[in-house]
Protein backbone atom coordinates (compact mmCIF):
# COMPACT_ATOMS: atom_id res chain seq x y z
CA MET A 1 171.58 113.49 56.58
CA SER A 2 174.54 115.56 57.62
CA TYR A 3 175.61 116.03 61.28
CA GLU A 4 174.35 119.56 61.23
CA GLU A 5 170.89 118.55 60.11
CA ILE A 6 170.84 115.88 62.79
CA ILE A 7 171.69 118.47 65.45
CA VAL A 8 169.24 121.01 64.18
CA LEU A 9 166.48 118.21 64.14
CA GLY A 10 167.41 117.45 67.82
CA TRP A 11 167.12 121.00 68.93
CA ASN A 12 163.86 121.37 67.23
CA LEU A 13 162.45 118.31 69.02
CA ASN A 14 163.79 119.69 72.16
CA LEU A 15 162.04 123.02 71.48
CA VAL A 16 158.85 121.12 70.67
CA MET A 17 158.99 119.39 74.08
CA PHE A 18 159.76 122.69 75.83
CA PHE A 19 156.51 124.21 74.39
CA LEU A 20 154.55 121.11 75.14
CA ASN A 21 155.80 121.25 78.70
CA LEU A 22 154.83 124.98 78.81
CA PHE A 23 151.36 124.25 77.47
CA PHE A 24 150.69 121.63 80.12
CA ALA A 25 151.84 123.88 82.84
CA LEU A 26 149.67 126.79 81.52
CA ARG A 27 146.74 124.51 81.21
CA ALA A 28 146.94 123.05 84.68
CA MET A 29 147.25 126.61 86.13
CA SER A 30 144.20 127.89 84.10
CA LEU A 31 141.85 125.29 85.58
CA LYS A 32 142.51 126.41 89.13
CA THR A 33 141.47 129.27 91.31
CA LYS A 34 143.97 131.68 92.91
CA GLU A 35 143.42 130.17 96.29
CA GLN A 36 143.94 126.55 95.01
CA LEU A 37 147.16 127.63 93.21
CA GLU A 38 148.47 129.25 96.41
CA GLU A 39 147.77 126.09 98.42
CA GLU A 40 149.39 123.91 95.78
CA ASN A 41 152.32 126.19 95.54
CA ARG A 42 152.75 126.05 99.26
CA VAL A 43 152.74 122.15 99.30
CA LEU A 44 155.09 121.98 96.21
CA SER A 45 157.49 124.57 97.73
CA THR A 46 157.87 122.57 100.86
CA LEU A 47 158.67 119.47 98.72
CA LYS A 48 161.08 121.33 96.40
CA GLU A 49 163.12 122.60 99.26
CA GLU A 50 163.58 119.11 100.47
CA PHE A 51 164.20 117.78 96.94
CA ASP A 52 166.80 120.59 96.37
CA LYS A 53 168.71 119.29 99.38
CA TYR A 54 169.16 115.90 97.76
CA TYR A 55 169.63 117.15 94.08
CA PRO A 56 171.06 120.64 94.36
CA TYR A 57 172.17 120.76 90.61
CA ARG A 58 168.91 119.46 89.12
CA LYS A 59 167.91 122.89 87.75
CA TYR A 60 171.21 123.14 85.85
CA GLU A 61 170.77 119.57 84.54
CA THR A 62 167.41 120.37 83.07
CA MET A 63 168.76 123.56 81.31
CA ILE A 64 171.63 121.48 79.89
CA THR A 65 169.21 118.84 78.52
CA TYR A 66 167.58 121.42 76.35
CA LEU A 67 170.92 122.34 74.90
CA ILE A 68 172.03 118.84 73.97
CA PRO A 69 170.13 117.67 70.82
CA PHE A 70 167.50 115.03 71.48
CA THR A 71 168.12 114.67 75.22
CA ALA A 72 165.09 116.80 76.42
CA PHE A 73 162.99 115.11 73.74
CA PHE A 74 163.71 111.66 75.07
CA ARG A 75 163.55 112.87 78.70
CA MET A 76 160.21 114.53 78.29
CA SER A 77 158.88 111.57 76.14
CA TYR A 78 159.71 109.32 79.10
CA ARG A 79 157.93 111.76 81.44
CA LEU A 80 154.77 111.83 79.36
CA ILE A 81 154.63 108.02 79.32
CA GLU A 82 155.09 108.10 83.07
CA MET A 83 152.33 110.77 83.57
CA ASN A 84 149.99 108.86 81.28
CA SER A 85 150.57 105.68 83.26
CA PHE A 86 150.04 107.60 86.62
CA PHE A 87 146.82 109.13 85.44
CA SER A 88 145.44 105.94 84.06
CA ARG A 89 146.24 104.12 87.40
CA ASN A 90 144.89 106.98 89.49
CA LYS A 91 141.54 108.21 88.09
CA GLY A 92 140.50 111.81 88.99
CA THR A 93 144.07 112.98 89.82
CA THR A 94 145.64 116.24 88.59
CA MET A 95 148.95 117.36 87.43
CA VAL A 96 149.74 118.63 90.93
CA ASP A 97 149.09 115.19 92.37
CA TYR A 98 151.59 113.71 89.89
CA MET A 99 154.16 116.43 90.81
CA ILE A 100 153.64 115.58 94.53
CA TYR A 101 153.97 111.84 93.83
CA LYS A 102 157.17 112.46 91.82
CA TYR A 103 158.79 114.76 94.30
CA GLN A 104 158.06 112.27 97.23
CA ASN A 105 159.29 109.29 95.14
CA ASP A 106 162.54 110.97 94.22
CA ILE A 107 163.17 112.24 97.73
CA GLN A 108 162.55 108.66 99.07
CA MET A 109 164.98 107.18 96.51
CA ALA A 110 167.65 109.72 97.54
CA LYS A 111 167.10 108.90 101.26
CA ASN A 112 167.21 105.11 100.50
CA ARG A 113 170.40 105.76 98.50
CA LEU A 114 172.12 107.49 101.40
CA LYS A 115 171.42 104.79 103.87
């Protein structure tokens, strides 16, 4: 395999993970009513504001991972394993519960690191 083929394969895997991530997001949103989505959005927005204080460049980091071959693929694969583990340990939870857990966990790690 040439370097170009490896790079194209990496970008294609990143693209697959992007669409898989988009699929999960759309599926999670379609299962909720407008009122539920608004309430979840309010809770997640509050957590995201606090998260952005500790990780101000996370948005750019995520965009860059989709440009570097294989990076988003490995990152999303790890997240999928982590989500699967979360859902198997916490029966009856939703994607929003996982997102809240992840935000709170990352915020707590940042606070501990600053101490």
